[in-house]
C-alpha atoms as a PDB file:
ATOM      1  CA  MET A   1     -22.646   1.827 -18.726  1.00  0.00           C
ATOM      2  CA  THR A   2     -25.450   3.589 -16.119  1.00  0.00           C
ATOM      3  CA  ILE A   3     -24.756   4.467 -12.447  1.00  0.00           C
ATOM      4  CA  MET A   4     -26.727   1.601 -11.091  1.00  0.00           C
ATOM      5  CA  SER A   5     -25.194  -0.912 -13.018  1.00  0.00           C
ATOM      6  CA  LEU A   6     -21.711   0.727 -11.166  1.00  0.00           C
ATOM      7  CA  SER A   7     -23.172   1.300  -7.934  1.00  0.00           C
ATOM      8  CA  LYS A   8     -24.513  -2.134  -8.188  1.00  0.00           C
ATOM      9  CA  TYR A   9     -21.121  -3.661  -8.336  1.00  0.00           C
ATOM     10  CA  VAL A  10     -19.143  -1.498  -5.778  1.00  0.00           C
ATOM     11  CA  LEU A  11     -21.943  -2.846  -3.029  1.00  0.00           C
ATOM     12  CA  MET A  12     -21.635  -6.099  -4.624  1.00  0.00           C
ATOM     13  CA  ARG A  13     -17.775  -5.277  -3.902  1.00  0.00           C
ATOM     14  CA  LEU A  14     -18.298  -4.350  -0.709  1.00  0.00           C
ATOM     15  CA  ILE A  15     -20.035  -7.357   0.629  1.00  0.00           C
ATOM     16  CA  HIS A  16     -17.655 -10.028  -1.283  1.00  0.00           C
ATOM     17  CA  ALA A  17     -15.046  -8.067   0.752  1.00  0.00           C
ATOM     18  CA  ILE A  18     -16.455  -8.717   4.407  1.00  0.00           C
ATOM     19  CA  PRO A  19     -15.522 -12.218   4.539  1.00  0.00           C
ATOM     20  CA  THR A  20     -12.382 -11.228   3.235  1.00  0.00           C
ATOM     21  CA  LEU A  21     -11.685  -9.377   6.760  1.00  0.00           C
ATOM     22  CA  ILE A  22     -13.567 -11.163   9.062  1.00  0.00           C
ATOM     23  CA  GLY A  23     -10.800 -13.388   7.743  1.00  0.00           C
ATOM     24  CA  ILE A  24      -7.984 -11.307   8.268  1.00  0.00           C
ATOM     25  CA  VAL A  25      -9.208 -10.271  11.997  1.00  0.00           C
ATOM     26  CA  LEU A  26      -9.649 -14.107  12.914  1.00  0.00           C
ATOM     27  CA  ILE A  27      -5.758 -14.586  11.601  1.00  0.00           C
ATOM     28  CA  MET A  28      -4.585 -11.185  12.979  1.00  0.00           C
ATOM     29  CA  PHE A  29      -6.250 -12.175  16.282  1.00  0.00           C
ATOM     30  CA  ILE A  30      -4.077 -15.548  16.894  1.00  0.00           C
ATOM     31  CA  LEU A  31      -1.053 -14.210  15.293  1.00  0.00           C
ATOM     32  CA  VAL A  32      -0.822 -11.680  17.824  1.00  0.00           C
ATOM     33  CA  ARG A  33      -1.494 -13.472  21.054  1.00  0.00           C
ATOM     34  CA  VAL A  34       1.691 -15.994  20.020  1.00  0.00           C
ATOM     35  CA  LEU A  35       3.924 -13.146  19.918  1.00  0.00           C
ATOM     36  CA  PRO A  36       6.236 -13.576  22.842  1.00  0.00           C
ATOM     37  CA  GLY A  37       6.464 -11.372  25.544  1.00  0.00           C
ATOM     38  CA  ASP A  38       3.710 -10.359  28.305  1.00  0.00           C
ATOM     39  CA  PRO A  39       2.192  -6.777  27.778  1.00  0.00           C
ATOM     40  CA  ALA A  40       0.954  -7.079  31.288  1.00  0.00           C
ATOM     41  CA  ARG A  41       4.651  -6.957  32.405  1.00  0.00           C
ATOM     42  CA  LEU A  42       5.762  -4.691  30.136  1.00  0.00           C
ATOM     43  CA  ILE A  43       2.991  -1.561  31.530  1.00  0.00           C
ATOM     44  CA  ALA A  44       3.439  -2.914  35.483  1.00  0.00           C
ATOM     45  CA  GLY A  45       7.389  -3.066  34.943  1.00  0.00           C
ATOM     46  CA  MET A  46      10.028  -5.248  35.376  1.00  0.00           C
ATOM     47  CA  GLU A  47      10.123  -4.693  39.014  1.00  0.00           C
ATOM     48  CA  ALA A  48       6.616  -5.333  39.618  1.00  0.00           C
ATOM     49  CA  THR A  49       5.040  -7.953  41.352  1.00  0.00           C
ATOM     50  CA  GLU A  50       3.189 -10.821  40.096  1.00  0.00           C
ATOM     51  CA  GLU A  51       0.081  -9.949  41.918  1.00  0.00           C
ATOM     52  CA  ASP A  52       0.478  -6.714  40.271  1.00  0.00           C
ATOM     53  CA  VAL A  53       0.787  -8.144  36.656  1.00  0.00           C
ATOM     54  CA  GLN A  54      -2.150  -9.857  37.335  1.00  0.00           C
ATOM     55  CA  LYS A  55      -4.248  -6.761  38.197  1.00  0.00           C
ATOM     56  CA  ILE A  56      -3.474  -5.646  34.982  1.00  0.00           C
ATOM     57  CA  ARG A  57      -4.342  -8.683  33.061  1.00  0.00           C
ATOM     58  CA  GLU A  58      -7.549  -8.684  34.947  1.00  0.00           C
ATOM     59  CA  ILE A  59      -8.534  -4.769  33.419  1.00  0.00           C
ATOM     60  CA  LEU A  60      -7.422  -5.706  30.264  1.00  0.00           C
ATOM     61  CA  GLY A  61      -8.960  -8.531  30.210  1.00  0.00           C
ATOM     62  CA  LEU A  62      -5.795 -10.843  28.967  1.00  0.00           C
ATOM     63  CA  ASN A  63      -6.990 -13.702  31.730  1.00  0.00           C
ATOM     64  CA  LYS A  64      -9.753 -14.567  30.162  1.00  0.00           C
ATOM     65  CA  PRO A  65      -9.653 -18.003  27.703  1.00  0.00           C
ATOM     66  CA  LEU A  66      -8.521 -16.516  23.992  1.00  0.00           C
ATOM     67  CA  HIS A  67     -12.370 -17.391  22.517  1.00  0.00           C
ATOM     68  CA  GLU A  68     -13.755 -14.980  24.860  1.00  0.00           C
ATOM     69  CA  GLN A  69     -10.903 -12.344  23.808  1.00  0.00           C
ATOM     70  CA  PHE A  70     -11.738 -12.558  20.375  1.00  0.00           C
ATOM     71  CA  ILE A  71     -16.001 -12.333  21.127  1.00  0.00           C
ATOM     72  CA  ASP A  72     -14.800  -9.098  23.096  1.00  0.00           C
ATOM     73  CA  TYR A  73     -13.015  -7.632  20.310  1.00  0.00           C
ATOM     74  CA  ILE A  74     -15.295  -8.420  17.609  1.00  0.00           C
ATOM     75  CA  SER A  75     -18.502  -6.705  19.715  1.00  0.00           C
ATOM     76  CA  SER A  76     -16.340  -4.196  19.606  1.00  0.00           C
ATOM     77  CA  LEU A  77     -15.600  -4.005  16.192  1.00  0.00           C
ATOM     78  CA  LEU A  78     -19.315  -4.161  15.739  1.00  0.00           C
ATOM     79  CA  LYS A  79     -19.560  -1.007  17.269  1.00  0.00           C
ATOM     80  CA  GLY A  80     -16.757   0.893  16.035  1.00  0.00           C
ATOM     81  CA  ASP A  81     -14.597   0.616  18.647  1.00  0.00           C
ATOM     82  CA  LEU A  82     -11.003  -0.202  17.776  1.00  0.00           C
ATOM     83  CA  GLY A  83      -9.688  -0.522  21.551  1.00  0.00           C
ATOM     84  CA  THR A  84      -7.557   1.694  23.459  1.00  0.00           C
ATOM     85  CA  SER A  85      -3.876   1.700  23.395  1.00  0.00           C
ATOM     86  CA  LEU A  86      -1.771  -0.014  26.044  1.00  0.00           C
ATOM     87  CA  LYS A  87       1.426   1.901  25.720  1.00  0.00           C
ATOM     88  CA  PHE A  88      -0.707   5.289  24.903  1.00  0.00           C
ATOM     89  CA  GLY A  89      -4.253   4.937  27.115  1.00  0.00           C
ATOM     90  CA  THR A  90      -5.735   6.840  24.053  1.00  0.00           C
ATOM     91  CA  PRO A  91      -8.440   5.125  21.345  1.00  0.00           C
ATOM     92  CA  VAL A  92      -6.704   3.218  18.752  1.00  0.00           C
ATOM     93  CA  ILE A  93      -8.704   4.984  16.183  1.00  0.00           C
ATOM     94  CA  LYS A  94      -7.082   8.264  17.817  1.00  0.00           C
ATOM     95  CA  GLU A  95      -3.405   7.050  17.027  1.00  0.00           C
ATOM     96  CA  ILE A  96      -4.438   5.770  13.674  1.00  0.00           C
ATOM     97  CA  MET A  97      -5.930   9.074  12.008  1.00  0.00           C
ATOM     98  CA  ALA A  98      -2.590  11.399  14.007  1.00  0.00           C
ATOM     99  CA  ARG A  99      -0.640   9.161  12.752  1.00  0.00           C
ATOM    100  CA  PHE A 100      -2.289   7.956   8.922  1.00  0.00           C
ATOM    101  CA  PRO A 101      -1.926  11.695   6.840  1.00  0.00           C
ATOM    102  CA  TYR A 102       1.964  10.948   7.736  1.00  0.00           C
ATOM    103  CA  THR A 103       1.481   7.898   5.740  1.00  0.00           C
ATOM    104  CA  VAL A 104      -0.818   8.872   2.958  1.00  0.00           C
ATOM    105  CA  GLN A 105       1.843  11.191   2.108  1.00  0.00           C
ATOM    106  CA  LEU A 106       4.772   9.529   1.673  1.00  0.00           C
ATOM    107  CA  ALA A 107       2.702   7.039  -0.572  1.00  0.00           C
ATOM    108  CA  ILE A 108       1.425   9.696  -2.669  1.00  0.00           C
ATOM    109  CA  VAL A 109       4.712  11.329  -3.413  1.00  0.00           C
ATOM    110  CA  ALA A 110       6.655   7.959  -3.618  1.00  0.00           C
ATOM    111  CA  GLU A 111       4.097   6.820  -5.935  1.00  0.00           C
ATOM    112  CA  LEU A 112       4.069  10.097  -8.101  1.00  0.00           C
ATOM    113  CA  PHE A 113       8.136   9.862  -8.823  1.00  0.00           C
ATOM    114  CA  ALA A 114       7.416   6.292  -9.547  1.00  0.00           C
ATOM    115  CA  VAL A 115       5.396   7.188 -11.896  1.00  0.00           C
ATOM    116  CA  LEU A 116       6.803   9.948 -13.605  1.00  0.00           C
ATOM    117  CA  ILE A 117      10.086   8.097 -14.191  1.00  0.00           C
ATOM    118  CA  GLY A 118       8.489   4.611 -14.866  1.00  0.00           C
ATOM    119  CA  ILE A 119       5.717   5.217 -17.006  1.00  0.00           C
ATOM    120  CA  PRO A 120       8.445   6.935 -19.754  1.00  0.00           C
ATOM    121  CA  LEU A 121      10.894   4.209 -18.810  1.00  0.00           C
ATOM    122  CA  GLY A 122       8.393   1.245 -20.187  1.00  0.00           C
ATOM    123  CA  ILE A 123       7.803   2.905 -23.119  1.00  0.00           C
ATOM    124  CA  ILE A 124      11.131   3.828 -24.022  1.00  0.00           C
ATOM    125  CA  SER A 125      11.763   0.027 -23.459  1.00  0.00           C
ATOM    126  CA  ALA A 126       8.872  -1.107 -25.503  1.00  0.00           C
ATOM    127  CA  VAL A 127       9.484   1.426 -28.332  1.00  0.00           C
ATOM    128  CA  LYS A 128      13.611   0.689 -28.592  1.00  0.00           C
ATOM    129  CA  PRO A 129      14.078  -2.816 -27.317  1.00  0.00           C
ATOM    130  CA  TYR A 130      17.220  -3.148 -28.495  1.00  0.00           C
ATOM    131  CA  THR A 131      19.153   0.236 -28.422  1.00  0.00           C
ATOM    132  CA  LYS A 132      21.169   1.646 -25.614  1.00  0.00           C
ATOM    133  CA  SER A 133      18.386   3.547 -23.589  1.00  0.00           C
ATOM    134  CA  GLY A 134      16.009   0.663 -23.661  1.00  0.00           C
ATOM    135  CA  TYR A 135      18.636  -1.669 -22.105  1.00  0.00           C
ATOM    136  CA  VAL A 136      19.251   0.869 -19.807  1.00  0.00           C
ATOM    137  CA  SER A 137      15.500   1.022 -18.730  1.00  0.00           C
ATOM    138  CA  THR A 138      15.308  -2.497 -18.143  1.00  0.00           C
ATOM    139  CA  ILE A 139      18.447  -3.084 -16.294  1.00  0.00           C
ATOM    140  CA  ILE A 140      17.085   0.000 -14.047  1.00  0.00           C
ATOM    141  CA  SER A 141      13.776  -1.838 -13.547  1.00  0.00           C
ATOM    142  CA  LEU A 142      15.366  -4.990 -12.680  1.00  0.00           C
ATOM    143  CA  ILE A 143      17.503  -3.015 -10.055  1.00  0.00           C
ATOM    144  CA  GLY A 144      14.842  -1.097  -8.828  1.00  0.00           C
ATOM    145  CA  SER A 145      12.316  -4.836  -8.214  1.00  0.00           C
ATOM    146  CA  SER A 146      15.816  -6.670  -6.333  1.00  0.00           C
ATOM    147  CA  MET A 147      17.322  -4.309  -4.323  1.00  0.00           C
ATOM    148  CA  PRO A 148      16.419  -4.511  -0.258  1.00  0.00           C
ATOM    149  CA  ILE A 149      14.506  -1.389   0.681  1.00  0.00           C
ATOM    150  CA  TYR A 150      16.280  -1.196   3.667  1.00  0.00           C
ATOM    151  CA  TRP A 151      19.906  -1.396   2.327  1.00  0.00           C
ATOM    152  CA  LEU A 152      18.934   1.491  -0.094  1.00  0.00           C
ATOM    153  CA  GLY A 153      17.589   3.983   2.789  1.00  0.00           C
ATOM    154  CA  LEU A 154      20.615   3.210   4.711  1.00  0.00           C
ATOM    155  CA  MET A 155      23.223   4.285   1.658  1.00  0.00           C
ATOM    156  CA  LEU A 156      20.816   7.331   0.593  1.00  0.00           C
ATOM    157  CA  ILE A 157      21.119   8.383   4.296  1.00  0.00           C
ATOM    158  CA  TYR A 158      24.939   7.805   3.915  1.00  0.00           C
ATOM    159  CA  LEU A 159      25.085   9.357   0.725  1.00  0.00           C
ATOM    160  CA  PHE A 160      22.772  12.464   0.916  1.00  0.00           C
ATOM    161  CA  SER A 161      22.643  13.184   4.559  1.00  0.00           C
ATOM    162  CA  VAL A 162      26.193  12.196   6.220  1.00  0.00           C
ATOM    163  CA  HIS A 163      28.353  12.587   3.421  1.00  0.00           C
ATOM    164  CA  LEU A 164      26.602  15.527   1.234  1.00  0.00           C
ATOM    165  CA  ARG A 165      24.885  16.967   4.080  1.00  0.00           C
ATOM    166  CA  LEU A 166      21.871  17.943   1.841  1.00  0.00           C
ATOM    167  CA  LEU A 167      19.022  16.175   3.212  1.00  0.00           C
ATOM    168  CA  PRO A 168      17.549  15.373   6.684  1.00  0.00           C
ATOM    169  CA  SER A 169      18.068  11.708   7.277  1.00  0.00           C
ATOM    170  CA  HIS A 170      15.244  11.427   9.461  1.00  0.00           C
ATOM    171  CA  GLY A 171      11.687  12.583  11.094  1.00  0.00           C
ATOM    172  CA  ALA A 172       9.497  14.722   9.220  1.00  0.00           C
ATOM    173  CA  GLY A 173       8.188  18.625   9.377  1.00  0.00           C
ATOM    174  CA  THR A 174       9.788  20.085   6.118  1.00  0.00           C
ATOM    175  CA  PRO A 175       8.975  19.125   3.054  1.00  0.00           C
ATOM    176  CA  ARG A 176      12.924  17.782   2.054  1.00  0.00           C
ATOM    177  CA  HIS A 177      12.334  15.581   5.154  1.00  0.00           C
ATOM    178  CA  ILE A 178      10.312  13.480   2.702  1.00  0.00           C
ATOM    179  CA  ILE A 179      12.389  13.628  -0.672  1.00  0.00           C
ATOM    180  CA  LEU A 180      14.455  10.159   0.616  1.00  0.00           C
ATOM    181  CA  PRO A 181      11.490   8.033   1.986  1.00  0.00           C
ATOM    182  CA  ALA A 182       9.938   8.749  -1.320  1.00  0.00           C
ATOM    183  CA  ILE A 183      12.832   8.060  -3.090  1.00  0.00           C
ATOM    184  CA  THR A 184      13.603   4.465  -1.425  1.00  0.00           C
ATOM    185  CA  LEU A 185       9.723   3.917  -1.630  1.00  0.00           C
ATOM    186  CA  ALA A 186       9.709   4.977  -5.388  1.00  0.00           C
ATOM    187  CA  VAL A 187      12.765   2.920  -7.095  1.00  0.00           C
ATOM    188  CA  LEU A 188      10.741  -0.467  -5.563  1.00  0.00           C
ATOM    189  CA  LEU A 189       7.622   0.783  -7.329  1.00  0.00           C
ATOM    190  CA  MET A 190       9.333   1.947 -10.145  1.00  0.00           C
ATOM    191  CA  GLY A 191      11.067  -1.452 -11.108  1.00  0.00           C
ATOM    192  CA  ASN A 192       7.338  -2.475 -11.282  1.00  0.00           C
ATOM    193  CA  ILE A 193       5.796  -0.242 -13.184  1.00  0.00           C
ATOM    194  CA  VAL A 194       8.537  -0.040 -16.322  1.00  0.00           C
ATOM    195  CA  ARG A 195       8.029  -4.122 -16.579  1.00  0.00           C
ATOM    196  CA  ILE A 196       4.371  -3.527 -16.605  1.00  0.00           C
ATOM    197  CA  THR A 197       4.159  -0.692 -18.605  1.00  0.00           C
ATOM    198  CA  ARG A 198       6.874  -2.422 -21.038  1.00  0.00           C
ATOM    199  CA  THR A 199       4.703  -5.550 -21.367  1.00  0.00           C
ATOM    200  CA  ALA A 200       1.302  -3.915 -21.699  1.00  0.00           C
ATOM    201  CA  MET A 201       3.178  -1.437 -24.607  1.00  0.00           C
ATOM    202  CA  ILE A 202       4.348  -4.340 -26.690  1.00  0.00           C
ATOM    203  CA  GLU A 203       1.394  -6.290 -26.410  1.00  0.00           C
ATOM    204  CA  SER A 204      -0.283  -3.069 -27.876  1.00  0.00           C
ATOM    205  CA  LEU A 205       2.158  -2.136 -30.072  1.00  0.00           C
ATOM    206  CA  GLU A 206       1.744  -5.670 -31.934  1.00  0.00           C
ATOM    207  CA  SER A 207      -1.878  -5.559 -32.588  1.00  0.00           C
ATOM    208  CA  ASN A 208      -3.964  -4.451 -35.908  1.00  0.00           C
ATOM    209  CA  TYR A 209      -5.123  -1.437 -34.676  1.00  0.00           C
ATOM    210  CA  ILE A 210      -1.752  -0.255 -34.310  1.00  0.00           C
ATOM    211  CA  THR A 211      -0.861  -1.413 -38.037  1.00  0.00           C
ATOM    212  CA  THR A 212      -4.442   0.373 -38.957  1.00  0.00           C
ATOM    213  CA  ALA A 213      -2.780   3.634 -37.479  1.00  0.00           C
ATOM    214  CA  ARG A 214       0.565   3.832 -38.949  1.00  0.00           C
ATOM    215  CA  ALA A 215      -0.595   2.531 -42.633  1.00  0.00           C
ATOM    216  CA  LYS A 216      -3.204   5.678 -42.608  1.00  0.00           C
ATOM    217  CA  GLY A 217       0.296   7.749 -42.015  1.00  0.00           C
ATOM    218  CA  LEU A 218      -0.177   8.764 -38.623  1.00  0.00           C
ATOM    219  CA  SER A 219       3.135  10.195 -36.898  1.00  0.00           C
ATOM    220  CA  GLU A 220       5.075   7.174 -34.608  1.00  0.00           C
ATOM    221  CA  LYS A 221       4.238   9.725 -31.429  1.00  0.00           C
ATOM    222  CA  ILE A 222       0.608   9.751 -32.032  1.00  0.00           C
ATOM    223  CA  VAL A 223       0.703   6.038 -32.018  1.00  0.00           C
ATOM    224  CA  VAL A 224       2.652   5.313 -29.364  1.00  0.00           C
ATOM    225  CA  TYR A 225       1.312   8.186 -26.794  1.00  0.00           C
ATOM    226  CA  ARG A 226      -2.552   8.249 -28.197  1.00  0.00           C
ATOM    227  CA  HIS A 227      -3.103   4.915 -29.789  1.00  0.00           C
ATOM    228  CA  ALA A 228      -0.980   2.333 -27.635  1.00  0.00           C
ATOM    229  CA  LEU A 229      -0.667   3.745 -24.063  1.00  0.00           C
ATOM    230  CA  LYS A 230      -3.929   4.469 -24.172  1.00  0.00           C
ATOM    231  CA  ASN A 231      -4.905   0.361 -24.467  1.00  0.00           C
ATOM    232  CA  ALA A 232      -2.288  -0.172 -22.360  1.00  0.00           C
ATOM    233  CA  ALA A 233      -3.331   1.785 -19.611  1.00  0.00           C
ATOM    234  CA  ILE A 234      -5.391  -0.916 -17.861  1.00  0.00           C
ATOM    235  CA  PRO A 235      -2.250  -2.653 -16.291  1.00  0.00           C
ATOM    236  CA  ILE A 236      -0.863   0.195 -16.063  1.00  0.00           C
ATOM    237  CA  VAL A 237      -3.438   1.911 -13.701  1.00  0.00           C
ATOM    238  CA  THR A 238      -4.218  -1.835 -12.164  1.00  0.00           C
ATOM    239  CA  ILE A 239      -0.174  -1.946 -10.563  1.00  0.00           C
ATOM    240  CA  MET A 240      -0.450   1.875  -9.721  1.00  0.00           C
ATOM    241  CA  GLY A 241      -3.795   0.994  -7.627  1.00  0.00           C
ATOM    242  CA  LEU A 242      -2.611  -2.029  -6.106  1.00  0.00           C
ATOM    243  CA  GLN A 243       0.998  -0.477  -5.259  1.00  0.00           C
ATOM    244  CA  LEU A 244      -0.964   2.208  -4.152  1.00  0.00           C
ATOM    245  CA  GLY A 245      -2.496   0.257  -1.364  1.00  0.00           C
ATOM    246  CA  SER A 246       0.426  -2.036  -0.705  1.00  0.00           C
ATOM    247  CA  LEU A 247       2.234   1.068   0.069  1.00  0.00           C
ATOM    248  CA  MET A 248       0.172   2.021   2.812  1.00  0.00           C
ATOM    249  CA  GLY A 249       1.866  -1.312   4.999  1.00  0.00           C
ATOM    250  CA  GLY A 250       4.317  -1.829   2.456  1.00  0.00           C
ATOM    251  CA  ALA A 251       6.301   1.482   3.963  1.00  0.00           C
ATOM    252  CA  ILE A 252       6.816   0.145   7.570  1.00  0.00           C
ATOM    253  CA  LEU A 253      10.895  -0.413   6.726  1.00  0.00           C
ATOM    254  CA  THR A 254      10.749   2.754   5.346  1.00  0.00           C
ATOM    255  CA  GLU A 255       9.133   4.880   8.213  1.00  0.00           C
ATOM    256  CA  SER A 256      11.861   2.677  10.533  1.00  0.00           C
ATOM    257  CA  VAL A 257      14.959   3.745   8.572  1.00  0.00           C
ATOM    258  CA  PHE A 258      13.895   7.384   8.409  1.00  0.00           C
ATOM    259  CA  ALA A 259      11.434   7.398  11.533  1.00  0.00           C
ATOM    260  CA  TRP A 260       9.208   9.223   9.689  1.00  0.00           C
ATOM    261  CA  PRO A 261       5.894   9.271  12.253  1.00  0.00           C
ATOM    262  CA  GLY A 262       3.754   7.268  10.308  1.00  0.00           C
ATOM    263  CA  LEU A 263       1.317   4.197  10.564  1.00  0.00           C
ATOM    264  CA  GLY A 264       4.553   2.154   9.486  1.00  0.00           C
ATOM    265  CA  LEU A 265       6.518   3.283  12.408  1.00  0.00           C
ATOM    266  CA  LEU A 266       3.987   3.205  14.468  1.00  0.00           C
ATOM    267  CA  LEU A 267       2.908  -0.344  13.975  1.00  0.00           C
ATOM    268  CA  VAL A 268       6.590  -1.456  14.814  1.00  0.00           C
ATOM    269  CA  ASP A 269       6.547   0.354  18.074  1.00  0.00           C
ATOM    270  CA  SER A 270       3.222  -1.225  19.142  1.00  0.00           C
ATOM    271  CA  ILE A 271       4.838  -4.620  18.245  1.00  0.00           C
ATOM    272  CA  PHE A 272       7.594  -4.055  20.708  1.00  0.00           C
ATOM    273  CA  PHE A 273       5.239  -2.807  23.219  1.00  0.00           C
ATOM    274  CA  ARG A 274       3.068  -5.876  22.834  1.00  0.00           C
ATOM    275  CA  ASP A 275      -0.068  -3.244  22.221  1.00  0.00           C
ATOM    276  CA  TYR A 276      -2.638  -6.163  21.074  1.00  0.00           C
ATOM    277  CA  PRO A 277      -5.140  -3.123  20.564  1.00  0.00           C
ATOM    278  CA  LEU A 278      -2.906  -1.233  18.481  1.00  0.00           C
ATOM    279  CA  ILE A 279      -1.452  -3.957  16.677  1.00  0.00           C
ATOM    280  CA  GLN A 280      -5.097  -5.097  15.587  1.00  0.00           C
ATOM    281  CA  GLY A 281      -6.203  -1.427  14.739  1.00  0.00           C
ATOM    282  CA  ILE A 282      -3.314  -0.822  12.074  1.00  0.00           C
ATOM    283  CA  ILE A 283      -3.513  -3.914  10.724  1.00  0.00           C
ATOM    284  CA  LEU A 284      -7.185  -4.276  10.318  1.00  0.00           C
ATOM    285  CA  PHE A 285      -7.124  -0.604   9.182  1.00  0.00           C
ATOM    286  CA  PHE A 286      -4.390  -1.380   6.428  1.00  0.00           C
ATOM    287  CA  ALA A 287      -6.446  -4.150   5.146  1.00  0.00           C
ATOM    288  CA  THR A 288      -9.789  -2.244   5.124  1.00  0.00           C
ATOM    289  CA  VAL A 289      -7.588   0.529   2.610  1.00  0.00           C
ATOM    290  CA  PHE A 290      -6.722  -2.101   0.754  1.00  0.00           C
ATOM    291  CA  VAL A 291      -9.820  -3.268  -0.179  1.00  0.00           C
ATOM    292  CA  ILE A 292     -11.536   0.077  -1.121  1.00  0.00           C
ATOM    293  CA  LEU A 293      -8.129   1.241  -2.799  1.00  0.00           C
ATOM    294  CA  ASN A 294      -8.695  -2.281  -5.047  1.00  0.00           C
ATOM    295  CA  ILE A 295     -12.538  -1.434  -5.418  1.00  0.00           C
ATOM    296  CA  ILE A 296     -11.838   2.404  -6.579  1.00  0.00           C
ATOM    297  CA  VAL A 297      -9.065   0.788  -9.318  1.00  0.00           C
ATOM    298  CA  ASP A 298     -12.130  -1.730 -10.521  1.00  0.00           C
ATOM    299  CA  VAL A 299     -14.262   1.637 -11.070  1.00  0.00           C
ATOM    300  CA  ILE A 300     -11.431   3.445 -13.132  1.00  0.00           C
ATOM    301  CA  TYR A 301     -11.337  -0.182 -15.379  1.00  0.00           C
ATOM    302  CA  ALA A 302     -15.070   0.793 -16.083  1.00  0.00           C
ATOM    303  CA  LEU A 303     -13.964   4.810 -16.900  1.00  0.00           C
ATOM    304  CA  ILE A 304     -11.145   3.537 -19.233  1.00  0.00           C
ATOM    305  CA  ASP A 305     -12.249   0.502 -20.879  1.00  0.00           C
ATOM    306  CA  PRO A 306     -15.575   0.091 -23.154  1.00  0.00           C
ATOM    307  CA  ARG A 307     -15.425  -3.830 -22.845  1.00  0.00           C
ATOM    308  CA  VAL A 308     -15.487  -3.497 -18.575  1.00  0.00           C
ATOM    309  CA  ARG A 309     -18.602  -0.859 -19.123  1.00  0.00           C
ATOM    310  CA  GLU A 310     -20.398  -3.520 -21.230  1.00  0.00           C
ATOM    311  CA  SER A 311     -19.956  -6.298 -19.062  1.00  0.00           C
ATOM    312  CA  LEU A 312     -21.778  -4.074 -16.253  1.00  0.00           C
ATOM    313  CA  TRP A 313     -24.319  -3.115 -18.049  1.00  0.00           C
ATOM    314  CA  MET A 314     -25.011  -6.108 -19.310  1.00  0.00           C
ATOM    315  CA  ARG A 315     -24.850  -7.363 -15.618  1.00  0.00           C
ATOM    316  CA  GLU A 316     -27.212  -4.974 -14.375  1.00  0.00           C
ATOM    317  CA  GLN A 317     -29.884  -6.362 -17.571  1.00  0.00           C
ATOM    318  CA  ARG A 318     -29.739  -9.630 -16.140  1.00  0.00           C
ATOM    319  CA  LEU A 319     -30.235  -8.708 -12.176  1.00  0.00           C
END
């Protein structure tokens, strides 16, 4: 695979992502407008007169027909302007960038926990499927995938913050603050990683090249970790990349439960305040990050799997 073929592939993926983002913008714009509540009334206050509320609607452009509001919004997006927050009175991008590092930090730590625990458990359940350790690994994955994230967060708060008083229950500021929200997210991720790793490893261990490796007298550890795991890496990398992307928006409940000052908590607050520009900006930002992470995962495919590299090279030859 040449650098040119990879760059063309990335460029094509970015071009194909444009209609997706346009569709997201349209759906998001309509859904936000059908939320109950009037942002102009919330800004003016419940005791404000209808005349004052109408003036605020005119200033914010909320008195215009819906299609005109959408055209204005698209025009602003094309200029790189996400608008101004109705609640904070500051540019939306400024509020997003202030909270984004907290969400990234939480997502990375949760993913790290999930990978360090989930991949070994998936390997164990594949290599030793009918042993106690194999059954335990399978049960853990099922529990992790089905447990409500808000319930788990509340239980962890009760156990480690209220009962044992070992960890803070909310906020940020020290490494101890991230432990409980990261574990809460990691449990959900871990279940998926265990299942995917187990399935990919079983399929890999049943392949002919594994039989050949064992016939050569290689130790079971080398067969499992150097040969089977390497060839099972594609679906594992896939789920890791997709989960990291979804975490950017999927941490909403966790951040709300633990009052973690990330984009998820900011989105919830903006919905309650009916802050249209901030809601739209956060959702669009999440969608863009998800698309970019998907492209990065595809590039990692090409670096791991020779078959993907070959397909990219063949595509370049046809262009």
